Structures are given as structure tokens and as C-alpha cells.
């Protein structure tokens, strides 16, 4: 929810920053109105590119969470396999005959 506020707030404020920075030049006559509008649009385009991380944060967090779960599952399988083979080796060392475990 907070990422939505940040994303939409930045989208609304980015053109205003461009306008605030360019208005003094427009008033002095060193910039045309079209230049001010292009600068505001450029600020919006750059801000949209920076917002990519905020917009995709939930998906990135989901992906990282899934990767962590798979890693924990593989670690648990490795620990289970090690726990199964350790008692079998200890039991095989006491016996002289063949065993069914590999």
C-alpha cells in the first residue's frame, strides 16, 4: 500500500519539479513555453524509469521469497539424506553381513 502512495505521489510531483525549476527561466524570457513543457515531460519520463523498482517491488519480493523457500527445501533434503546415511553406516560397521541400504 505504501509503495502505491510513493509511486503515484512521485508521478504527480515529477512534472511539478520540472515546472518549478523552469518557470524562472520562462519568466526571464530565456525559455519558451514549449521548452518548459518538454522539461516537465522529461522529468516525468525519468521519474517513471526510477519508479520501476518501486512499481515492481512486490514481484521482486515474491521472487526472492520463492527462491529462499526452494533453497531451504533443498537444504532440508540434503540434511535428511545425511541423517539417513549416517545411522546406516554406523549400523553397517557393527554387522559383518550384507545390508540392504546402499
C-alpha atoms as a PDB file:
ATOM      1  CA  UNK A   1       0.000   0.000   0.000  1.00  0.00           C
ATOM      2  CA  UNK A   2       2.815   2.395   0.887  1.00  0.00           C
ATOM      3  CA  UNK A   3       4.579   1.659  -2.395  1.00  0.00           C
ATOM      4  CA  UNK A   4       1.423   2.762  -4.203  1.00  0.00           C
ATOM      5  CA  UNK A   5       1.470   6.099  -2.401  1.00  0.00           C
ATOM      6  CA  UNK A   6       5.133   6.616  -3.258  1.00  0.00           C
ATOM      7  CA  UNK A   7       4.682   5.618  -6.882  1.00  0.00           C
ATOM      8  CA  UNK A   8       1.632   7.769  -7.537  1.00  0.00           C
ATOM      9  CA  UNK A   9       2.960  10.655  -5.474  1.00  0.00           C
ATOM     10  CA  UNK A  10       6.184  10.677  -7.471  1.00  0.00           C
ATOM     11  CA  UNK A  11       4.236  10.522 -10.721  1.00  0.00           C
ATOM     12  CA  UNK A  12       2.249  13.594  -9.705  1.00  0.00           C
ATOM     13  CA  UNK A  13       5.201  15.547  -8.315  1.00  0.00           C
ATOM     14  CA  UNK A  14       7.767  14.903 -11.082  1.00  0.00           C
ATOM     15  CA  UNK A  15       6.241  17.308 -13.641  1.00  0.00           C
ATOM     16  CA  UNK A  16       5.806  19.932 -10.922  1.00  0.00           C
ATOM     17  CA  UNK A  17       9.518  19.787 -10.102  1.00  0.00           C
ATOM     18  CA  UNK A  18      10.322  20.355 -13.762  1.00  0.00           C
ATOM     19  CA  UNK A  19       7.898  23.261 -13.932  1.00  0.00           C
ATOM     20  CA  UNK A  20       9.177  24.850 -10.720  1.00  0.00           C
ATOM     21  CA  UNK A  21      12.750  24.657 -11.938  1.00  0.00           C
ATOM     22  CA  UNK A  22      11.950  26.051 -15.392  1.00  0.00           C
ATOM     23  CA  UNK A  23       9.402  28.772 -14.580  1.00  0.00           C
ATOM     24  CA  UNK A  24      12.055  31.369 -13.598  1.00  0.00           C
ATOM     25  CA  UNK A  25      13.720  30.907 -16.989  1.00  0.00           C
ATOM     26  CA  UNK A  26      10.350  31.257 -18.715  1.00  0.00           C
ATOM     27  CA  UNK A  27       9.606  34.466 -16.794  1.00  0.00           C
ATOM     28  CA  UNK A  28      13.044  35.874 -17.722  1.00  0.00           C
ATOM     29  CA  UNK A  29      12.378  35.014 -21.366  1.00  0.00           C
ATOM     30  CA  UNK A  30      15.290  32.595 -21.777  1.00  0.00           C
ATOM     31  CA  UNK A  31      12.950  29.598 -22.298  1.00  0.00           C
ATOM     32  CA  UNK A  32       9.857  29.201 -24.406  1.00  0.00           C
ATOM     33  CA  UNK A  33       6.660  27.638 -23.118  1.00  0.00           C
ATOM     34  CA  UNK A  34       7.282  24.549 -25.257  1.00  0.00           C
ATOM     35  CA  UNK A  35      10.713  24.125 -23.684  1.00  0.00           C
ATOM     36  CA  UNK A  36       9.175  24.294 -20.199  1.00  0.00           C
ATOM     37  CA  UNK A  37       6.602  21.675 -21.202  1.00  0.00           C
ATOM     38  CA  UNK A  38       9.317  19.424 -22.665  1.00  0.00           C
ATOM     39  CA  UNK A  39      11.375  19.750 -19.479  1.00  0.00           C
ATOM     40  CA  UNK A  40       8.354  18.778 -17.372  1.00  0.00           C
ATOM     41  CA  UNK A  41       7.738  15.763 -19.644  1.00  0.00           C
ATOM     42  CA  UNK A  42      11.419  14.790 -19.377  1.00  0.00           C
ATOM     43  CA  UNK A  43      11.212  14.890 -15.567  1.00  0.00           C
ATOM     44  CA  UNK A  44       8.154  12.637 -15.745  1.00  0.00           C
ATOM     45  CA  UNK A  45       9.913  10.149 -18.061  1.00  0.00           C
ATOM     46  CA  UNK A  46      12.993   9.964 -15.841  1.00  0.00           C
ATOM     47  CA  UNK A  47      10.883   9.612 -12.703  1.00  0.00           C
ATOM     48  CA  UNK A  48       8.916   6.814 -14.353  1.00  0.00           C
ATOM     49  CA  UNK A  49      12.163   4.978 -15.031  1.00  0.00           C
ATOM     50  CA  UNK A  50      13.264   5.427 -11.412  1.00  0.00           C
ATOM     51  CA  UNK A  51       9.866   4.196 -10.212  1.00  0.00           C
ATOM     52  CA  UNK A  52      10.414   0.825 -11.901  1.00  0.00           C
ATOM     53  CA  UNK A  53      11.917  -0.607  -8.729  1.00  0.00           C
ATOM     54  CA  UNK A  54       9.071   0.681  -6.563  1.00  0.00           C
ATOM     55  CA  UNK A  55       6.418  -0.499  -9.011  1.00  0.00           C
ATOM     56  CA  UNK A  56       7.916  -3.996  -9.241  1.00  0.00           C
ATOM     57  CA  UNK A  57       8.921  -4.344  -5.580  1.00  0.00           C
ATOM     58  CA  UNK A  58       6.073  -6.758  -4.689  1.00  0.00           C
ATOM     59  CA  UNK A  59       7.003  -9.057  -7.588  1.00  0.00           C
ATOM     60  CA  UNK A  60      10.692  -8.914  -6.712  1.00  0.00           C
ATOM     61  CA  UNK A  61       9.906  -9.709  -3.074  1.00  0.00           C
ATOM     62  CA  UNK A  62       7.740 -12.641  -4.185  1.00  0.00           C
ATOM     63  CA  UNK A  63      10.534 -13.977  -6.382  1.00  0.00           C
ATOM     64  CA  UNK A  64      13.106 -13.678  -3.593  1.00  0.00           C
ATOM     65  CA  UNK A  65      10.752 -15.370  -1.145  1.00  0.00           C
ATOM     66  CA  UNK A  66      10.190 -18.266  -3.556  1.00  0.00           C
ATOM     67  CA  UNK A  67      13.927 -18.651  -4.122  1.00  0.00           C
ATOM     68  CA  UNK A  68      14.508 -18.715  -0.342  1.00  0.00           C
ATOM     69  CA  UNK A  69      11.833 -21.372   0.113  1.00  0.00           C
ATOM     70  CA  UNK A  70      13.336 -23.563  -2.620  1.00  0.00           C
ATOM     71  CA  UNK A  71      16.793 -23.126  -1.099  1.00  0.00           C
ATOM     72  CA  UNK A  72      15.524 -24.103   2.349  1.00  0.00           C
ATOM     73  CA  UNK A  73      13.763 -27.143   0.880  1.00  0.00           C
ATOM     74  CA  UNK A  74      16.959 -28.278  -0.868  1.00  0.00           C
ATOM     75  CA  UNK A  75      18.930 -27.773   2.343  1.00  0.00           C
ATOM     76  CA  UNK A  76      16.368 -29.827   4.273  1.00  0.00           C
ATOM     77  CA  UNK A  77      16.620 -32.628   1.678  1.00  0.00           C
ATOM     78  CA  UNK A  78      20.406 -32.617   1.997  1.00  0.00           C
ATOM     79  CA  UNK A  79      20.186 -32.770   5.802  1.00  0.00           C
ATOM     80  CA  UNK A  80      17.624 -35.575   5.607  1.00  0.00           C
ATOM     81  CA  UNK A  81      19.810 -37.551   3.245  1.00  0.00           C
ATOM     82  CA  UNK A  82      22.831 -37.056   5.505  1.00  0.00           C
ATOM     83  CA  UNK A  83      20.802 -38.144   8.550  1.00  0.00           C
ATOM     84  CA  UNK A  84      19.594 -41.286   6.754  1.00  0.00           C
ATOM     85  CA  UNK A  85      23.045 -42.366   5.606  1.00  0.00           C
ATOM     86  CA  UNK A  86      24.839 -41.681   8.904  1.00  0.00           C
ATOM     87  CA  UNK A  87      22.925 -44.293  11.019  1.00  0.00           C
ATOM     88  CA  UNK A  88      23.107 -46.811   8.167  1.00  0.00           C
ATOM     89  CA  UNK A  89      26.880 -46.523   8.041  1.00  0.00           C
ATOM     90  CA  UNK A  90      27.119 -46.872  11.823  1.00  0.00           C
ATOM     91  CA  UNK A  91      24.867 -49.941  11.767  1.00  0.00           C
ATOM     92  CA  UNK A  92      26.819 -51.472   8.875  1.00  0.00           C
ATOM     93  CA  UNK A  93      30.087 -51.121  10.772  1.00  0.00           C
ATOM     94  CA  UNK A  94      28.694 -53.339  13.582  1.00  0.00           C
ATOM     95  CA  UNK A  95      27.364 -56.009  11.227  1.00  0.00           C
ATOM     96  CA  UNK A  96      29.511 -58.384   9.246  1.00  0.00           C
ATOM     97  CA  UNK A  97      26.873 -59.435   6.740  1.00  0.00           C
ATOM     98  CA  UNK A  98      25.398 -57.645   3.692  1.00  0.00           C
ATOM     99  CA  UNK A  99      23.000 -54.734   4.165  1.00  0.00           C
ATOM    100  CA  UNK A 100      20.021 -53.594   2.145  1.00  0.00           C
ATOM    101  CA  UNK A 101      20.969 -49.916   2.293  1.00  0.00           C
ATOM    102  CA  UNK A 102      23.372 -48.518  -0.282  1.00  0.00           C
END
